């Protein structure tokens, strides 16, 4: 049987259980990101934010789903503040400006579906 082409790139190993939180390390005064998978259908990216770090306001053409893995974050979505902690999820709608600020060190999984 011929192999199917792999249209995914990234670092998430196929057919293996992995400890998600251990796939990105904190870096003092920084935001660390690691693309776990990237395909025409969407992306999955793991982020580790040091306390006080963030991403300035921006928007994306697709819905973005955030799952907080560790710590706490303050999101600003369409001008409204939303706090989320480990175990919580937030949907950021397409084309709505949003920003991210680490209330404390935190890790999040960002899933963006294109379409």
N, C-alpha and C. Protein backbone atom coordinates (compact mmCIF):
# COMPACT_ATOMS: atom_id res chain seq x y z
N UNK A 1 0.84 -1.17 0.00
CA UNK A 1 0.00 0.00 0.00
C UNK A 1 0.89 1.24 0.00
N UNK A 2 0.57 2.20 -0.84
CA UNK A 2 1.37 3.41 -0.95
C UNK A 2 1.13 4.31 0.25
N UNK A 3 2.19 5.00 0.68
CA UNK A 3 2.06 5.94 1.79
C UNK A 3 1.29 7.17 1.33
N UNK A 4 0.46 7.68 2.22
CA UNK A 4 -0.27 8.91 1.94
C UNK A 4 0.66 10.09 2.25
N UNK A 5 0.60 11.13 1.44
CA UNK A 5 1.43 12.30 1.74
C UNK A 5 0.99 12.93 3.05
N UNK A 6 1.96 13.41 3.81
CA UNK A 6 1.69 14.06 5.08
C UNK A 6 1.63 15.56 4.83
N UNK A 7 0.43 16.15 4.96
CA UNK A 7 0.30 17.58 4.75
C UNK A 7 0.36 18.35 6.06
N UNK A 8 0.80 17.70 7.15
CA UNK A 8 0.94 18.34 8.45
C UNK A 8 2.41 18.58 8.74
N UNK A 9 2.69 19.71 9.34
CA UNK A 9 4.04 19.96 9.83
C UNK A 9 3.92 20.32 11.29
N UNK A 10 4.99 20.23 12.01
CA UNK A 10 4.97 20.56 13.43
C UNK A 10 5.73 19.52 14.22
N UNK A 11 5.48 19.51 15.53
CA UNK A 11 6.28 18.64 16.39
C UNK A 11 5.44 17.69 17.24
N UNK A 12 4.15 17.61 16.98
CA UNK A 12 3.31 16.69 17.74
C UNK A 12 3.45 15.30 17.13
N UNK A 13 4.00 14.34 17.89
CA UNK A 13 4.20 13.01 17.32
C UNK A 13 2.86 12.29 17.12
N UNK A 14 2.75 11.59 16.02
CA UNK A 14 1.54 10.83 15.73
C UNK A 14 1.49 9.56 16.56
N UNK A 15 0.30 9.16 16.92
CA UNK A 15 0.04 7.88 17.58
C UNK A 15 0.81 7.69 18.89
N UNK A 16 1.00 8.79 19.63
CA UNK A 16 1.70 8.71 20.92
C UNK A 16 0.99 9.60 21.93
N UNK A 17 0.95 9.15 23.17
CA UNK A 17 0.47 9.99 24.25
C UNK A 17 1.65 10.85 24.72
N UNK A 18 1.42 12.15 24.84
CA UNK A 18 2.48 13.06 25.27
C UNK A 18 1.97 13.93 26.41
N UNK A 19 2.86 14.39 27.26
CA UNK A 19 2.52 15.29 28.35
C UNK A 19 2.57 16.71 27.77
N UNK A 20 1.41 17.27 27.52
CA UNK A 20 1.30 18.55 26.82
C UNK A 20 2.07 19.66 27.52
N UNK A 21 1.89 19.82 28.82
CA UNK A 21 2.54 20.92 29.54
C UNK A 21 4.06 20.88 29.43
N UNK A 22 4.63 19.70 29.25
CA UNK A 22 6.08 19.56 29.16
C UNK A 22 6.65 19.86 27.79
N UNK A 23 5.79 20.16 26.84
CA UNK A 23 6.27 20.39 25.47
C UNK A 23 6.71 21.82 25.20
N UNK A 24 6.49 22.72 26.17
CA UNK A 24 6.98 24.10 26.06
C UNK A 24 7.43 24.54 27.44
N UNK A 25 8.60 25.13 27.52
CA UNK A 25 9.17 25.58 28.80
C UNK A 25 9.04 27.09 28.92
N UNK A 26 8.91 27.55 30.16
CA UNK A 26 8.90 28.98 30.43
C UNK A 26 10.30 29.55 30.20
N UNK A 27 10.33 30.81 29.77
CA UNK A 27 11.59 31.53 29.62
C UNK A 27 11.38 32.90 30.26
N UNK A 28 12.28 33.27 31.19
CA UNK A 28 12.11 34.50 31.94
C UNK A 28 11.93 35.70 31.01
N UNK A 29 10.85 36.46 31.27
CA UNK A 29 10.59 37.68 30.51
C UNK A 29 10.17 37.45 29.07
N UNK A 30 9.70 36.25 28.75
CA UNK A 30 9.41 35.92 27.35
C UNK A 30 8.11 35.16 27.17
N UNK A 31 7.73 35.07 25.90
CA UNK A 31 6.64 34.21 25.45
C UNK A 31 7.27 33.17 24.55
N UNK A 32 7.03 31.90 24.85
CA UNK A 32 7.56 30.80 24.05
C UNK A 32 6.39 30.15 23.34
N UNK A 33 6.54 29.89 22.04
CA UNK A 33 5.49 29.18 21.32
C UNK A 33 6.09 27.98 20.61
N UNK A 34 5.28 26.95 20.49
CA UNK A 34 5.71 25.74 19.81
C UNK A 34 4.54 25.24 18.96
N UNK A 35 4.72 25.22 17.67
CA UNK A 35 3.69 24.72 16.76
C UNK A 35 3.69 23.20 16.84
N UNK A 36 2.55 22.66 17.25
CA UNK A 36 2.44 21.21 17.38
C UNK A 36 1.97 20.59 16.07
N UNK A 37 1.11 21.28 15.37
CA UNK A 37 0.70 20.82 14.04
C UNK A 37 0.22 22.02 13.23
N UNK A 38 0.48 21.97 11.95
CA UNK A 38 0.08 23.04 11.04
C UNK A 38 -0.32 22.37 9.73
N UNK A 39 -1.57 22.56 9.35
CA UNK A 39 -2.07 21.96 8.11
C UNK A 39 -3.00 22.95 7.43
N UNK A 40 -3.41 22.67 6.21
CA UNK A 40 -4.36 23.56 5.54
C UNK A 40 -5.67 23.72 6.34
N UNK A 41 -6.02 22.75 7.16
CA UNK A 41 -7.25 22.81 7.95
C UNK A 41 -7.12 23.69 9.18
N UNK A 42 -5.90 23.85 9.73
CA UNK A 42 -5.72 24.67 10.92
C UNK A 42 -4.41 24.42 11.62
N UNK A 43 -4.25 25.08 12.77
CA UNK A 43 -3.01 24.97 13.54
C UNK A 43 -3.32 24.67 15.00
N UNK A 44 -2.37 24.02 15.65
CA UNK A 44 -2.40 23.82 17.09
C UNK A 44 -1.04 24.28 17.60
N UNK A 45 -1.07 25.26 18.50
CA UNK A 45 0.16 25.85 19.00
C UNK A 45 0.12 25.90 20.53
N UNK A 46 1.21 25.50 21.16
CA UNK A 46 1.35 25.55 22.61
C UNK A 46 2.17 26.79 22.95
N UNK A 47 1.69 27.57 23.92
CA UNK A 47 2.38 28.77 24.36
C UNK A 47 2.72 28.66 25.84
N UNK A 48 3.86 29.25 26.23
CA UNK A 48 4.24 29.40 27.64
C UNK A 48 4.59 30.88 27.83
N UNK A 49 3.83 31.58 28.68
CA UNK A 49 4.01 33.00 28.93
C UNK A 49 4.58 33.18 30.33
N UNK A 50 5.65 33.96 30.45
CA UNK A 50 6.13 34.34 31.77
C UNK A 50 5.17 35.38 32.33
N UNK A 51 5.11 35.53 33.65
CA UNK A 51 4.22 36.48 34.30
C UNK A 51 4.41 37.88 33.72
N UNK A 52 3.30 38.55 33.43
CA UNK A 52 3.34 39.91 32.91
C UNK A 52 3.53 40.02 31.41
N UNK A 53 3.86 38.92 30.76
CA UNK A 53 4.07 38.94 29.31
C UNK A 53 2.73 38.82 28.59
N UNK A 54 2.71 39.15 27.32
CA UNK A 54 1.46 39.05 26.58
C UNK A 54 1.63 39.22 25.09
N UNK A 55 0.49 39.27 24.43
CA UNK A 55 0.42 39.54 23.00
C UNK A 55 -0.46 40.77 22.83
N UNK A 56 0.02 41.74 22.06
CA UNK A 56 -0.76 42.96 21.86
C UNK A 56 -2.02 42.67 21.04
N UNK A 57 -2.93 43.62 21.07
CA UNK A 57 -4.21 43.43 20.39
C UNK A 57 -4.01 43.14 18.90
N UNK A 58 -4.72 42.14 18.44
CA UNK A 58 -4.70 41.74 17.04
C UNK A 58 -6.00 40.99 16.76
N UNK A 59 -6.22 40.63 15.52
CA UNK A 59 -7.39 39.81 15.19
C UNK A 59 -6.95 38.74 14.21
N UNK A 60 -7.79 37.73 14.07
CA UNK A 60 -7.51 36.63 13.16
C UNK A 60 -8.77 36.37 12.34
N UNK A 61 -8.59 35.89 11.11
CA UNK A 61 -9.75 35.67 10.25
C UNK A 61 -10.55 34.41 10.59
N UNK A 62 -10.12 33.67 11.62
CA UNK A 62 -10.77 32.43 11.99
C UNK A 62 -11.00 32.40 13.50
N UNK A 63 -11.99 31.62 13.95
CA UNK A 63 -12.19 31.42 15.38
C UNK A 63 -10.93 30.82 15.98
N UNK A 64 -10.62 31.21 17.20
CA UNK A 64 -9.47 30.67 17.93
C UNK A 64 -9.98 30.13 19.26
N UNK A 65 -9.60 28.91 19.58
CA UNK A 65 -10.02 28.23 20.79
C UNK A 65 -8.80 28.13 21.70
N UNK A 66 -8.91 28.65 22.93
CA UNK A 66 -7.81 28.61 23.89
C UNK A 66 -8.17 27.68 25.03
N UNK A 67 -7.25 26.77 25.35
CA UNK A 67 -7.39 25.93 26.54
C UNK A 67 -6.22 26.27 27.46
N UNK A 68 -6.52 26.74 28.68
CA UNK A 68 -5.46 27.08 29.63
C UNK A 68 -5.00 25.79 30.29
N UNK A 69 -3.69 25.52 30.20
CA UNK A 69 -3.09 24.29 30.72
C UNK A 69 -2.60 24.50 32.16
N UNK A 70 -1.95 25.64 32.40
CA UNK A 70 -1.42 25.99 33.73
C UNK A 70 -1.60 27.49 33.93
N UNK A 71 -1.73 27.91 35.19
CA UNK A 71 -1.71 29.32 35.53
C UNK A 71 -2.99 30.07 35.19
N UNK A 72 -2.85 31.42 35.05
CA UNK A 72 -3.99 32.30 34.78
C UNK A 72 -3.65 33.34 33.74
N UNK A 73 -4.66 33.68 32.94
CA UNK A 73 -4.50 34.65 31.86
C UNK A 73 -5.66 35.64 31.89
N UNK A 74 -5.38 36.85 31.45
CA UNK A 74 -6.42 37.83 31.21
C UNK A 74 -6.46 38.08 29.71
N UNK A 75 -7.60 37.80 29.12
CA UNK A 75 -7.81 38.05 27.69
C UNK A 75 -8.68 39.30 27.57
N UNK A 76 -8.43 40.08 26.55
CA UNK A 76 -9.33 41.18 26.21
C UNK A 76 -9.87 40.83 24.82
N UNK A 77 -11.18 40.62 24.75
CA UNK A 77 -11.81 40.20 23.50
C UNK A 77 -12.90 41.21 23.16
N UNK A 78 -12.71 41.93 22.07
CA UNK A 78 -13.68 42.95 21.70
C UNK A 78 -13.88 43.99 22.78
N UNK A 79 -12.81 44.32 23.50
CA UNK A 79 -12.85 45.33 24.55
C UNK A 79 -13.30 44.81 25.91
N UNK A 80 -13.72 43.55 26.01
CA UNK A 80 -14.19 42.97 27.26
C UNK A 80 -13.10 42.08 27.88
N UNK A 81 -12.90 42.20 29.19
CA UNK A 81 -11.92 41.38 29.91
C UNK A 81 -12.51 40.01 30.23
N UNK A 82 -11.72 38.97 30.00
CA UNK A 82 -12.10 37.60 30.34
C UNK A 82 -10.91 36.96 31.02
N UNK A 83 -11.07 36.51 32.28
CA UNK A 83 -9.99 35.79 32.96
C UNK A 83 -10.25 34.30 32.84
N UNK A 84 -9.19 33.55 32.65
CA UNK A 84 -9.29 32.09 32.54
C UNK A 84 -8.14 31.46 33.31
N UNK A 85 -8.41 30.31 33.90
CA UNK A 85 -7.43 29.56 34.69
C UNK A 85 -7.29 28.16 34.15
N UNK A 86 -6.31 27.44 34.69
CA UNK A 86 -6.04 26.06 34.27
C UNK A 86 -7.33 25.26 34.23
N UNK A 87 -7.53 24.55 33.13
CA UNK A 87 -8.71 23.72 32.94
C UNK A 87 -9.85 24.42 32.24
N UNK A 88 -9.75 25.74 32.05
CA UNK A 88 -10.83 26.48 31.39
C UNK A 88 -10.50 26.73 29.92
N UNK A 89 -11.55 26.93 29.14
CA UNK A 89 -11.41 27.19 27.71
C UNK A 89 -12.15 28.47 27.35
N UNK A 90 -11.68 29.13 26.30
CA UNK A 90 -12.29 30.37 25.82
C UNK A 90 -12.28 30.33 24.30
N UNK A 91 -13.39 30.72 23.70
CA UNK A 91 -13.47 30.85 22.24
C UNK A 91 -13.34 32.33 21.89
N UNK A 92 -12.37 32.65 21.05
CA UNK A 92 -12.20 34.01 20.57
C UNK A 92 -12.73 34.04 19.14
N UNK A 93 -13.81 34.81 18.90
CA UNK A 93 -14.42 34.80 17.57
C UNK A 93 -13.54 35.42 16.48
N UNK A 94 -13.73 34.94 15.27
CA UNK A 94 -13.01 35.46 14.11
C UNK A 94 -13.26 36.96 13.97
N UNK A 95 -12.23 37.67 13.54
CA UNK A 95 -12.30 39.09 13.20
C UNK A 95 -12.64 40.01 14.37
N UNK A 96 -12.54 39.53 15.59
CA UNK A 96 -12.76 40.36 16.78
C UNK A 96 -11.39 40.61 17.42
N UNK A 97 -11.00 41.86 17.61
CA UNK A 97 -9.70 42.14 18.21
C UNK A 97 -9.58 41.51 19.60
N UNK A 98 -8.39 40.97 19.87
CA UNK A 98 -8.14 40.35 21.18
C UNK A 98 -6.68 40.54 21.56
N UNK A 99 -6.45 40.49 22.87
CA UNK A 99 -5.09 40.61 23.41
C UNK A 99 -4.97 39.60 24.55
N UNK A 100 -3.71 39.26 24.88
CA UNK A 100 -3.43 38.25 25.89
C UNK A 100 -2.44 38.84 26.89
N UNK A 101 -2.71 38.66 28.21
CA UNK A 101 -1.76 39.10 29.24
C UNK A 101 -1.70 38.04 30.33
N UNK A 102 -0.50 37.62 30.67
CA UNK A 102 -0.29 36.62 31.72
C UNK A 102 -0.44 37.26 33.09
N UNK A 103 -1.48 36.89 33.83
CA UNK A 103 -1.67 37.33 35.21
C UNK A 103 -0.57 36.72 36.07
N UNK A 104 -0.24 35.49 35.77
CA UNK A 104 0.89 34.75 36.34
C UNK A 104 1.42 33.87 35.22
N UNK A 105 2.53 33.20 35.45
CA UNK A 105 3.02 32.28 34.41
C UNK A 105 1.86 31.39 34.00
N UNK A 106 1.72 31.21 32.68
CA UNK A 106 0.66 30.30 32.23
C UNK A 106 1.03 29.68 30.90
N UNK A 107 0.41 28.54 30.65
CA UNK A 107 0.54 27.85 29.37
C UNK A 107 -0.84 27.67 28.78
N UNK A 108 -0.92 27.82 27.46
CA UNK A 108 -2.20 27.64 26.78
C UNK A 108 -1.98 26.89 25.47
N UNK A 109 -3.02 26.19 25.10
CA UNK A 109 -3.07 25.52 23.81
C UNK A 109 -4.00 26.35 22.95
N UNK A 110 -3.53 26.78 21.79
CA UNK A 110 -4.31 27.57 20.85
C UNK A 110 -4.63 26.70 19.65
N UNK A 111 -5.92 26.54 19.38
CA UNK A 111 -6.38 25.76 18.22
C UNK A 111 -7.10 26.72 17.30
N UNK A 112 -6.64 26.81 16.06
CA UNK A 112 -7.29 27.65 15.07
C UNK A 112 -7.70 26.78 13.89
N UNK A 113 -8.99 26.81 13.59
CA UNK A 113 -9.53 26.05 12.47
C UNK A 113 -9.76 27.03 11.32
N UNK A 114 -9.19 26.73 10.19
CA UNK A 114 -9.34 27.60 9.02
C UNK A 114 -10.55 27.17 8.21
N UNK A 115 -11.64 27.82 8.42
CA UNK A 115 -12.82 27.47 7.62
C UNK A 115 -14.07 27.41 8.42
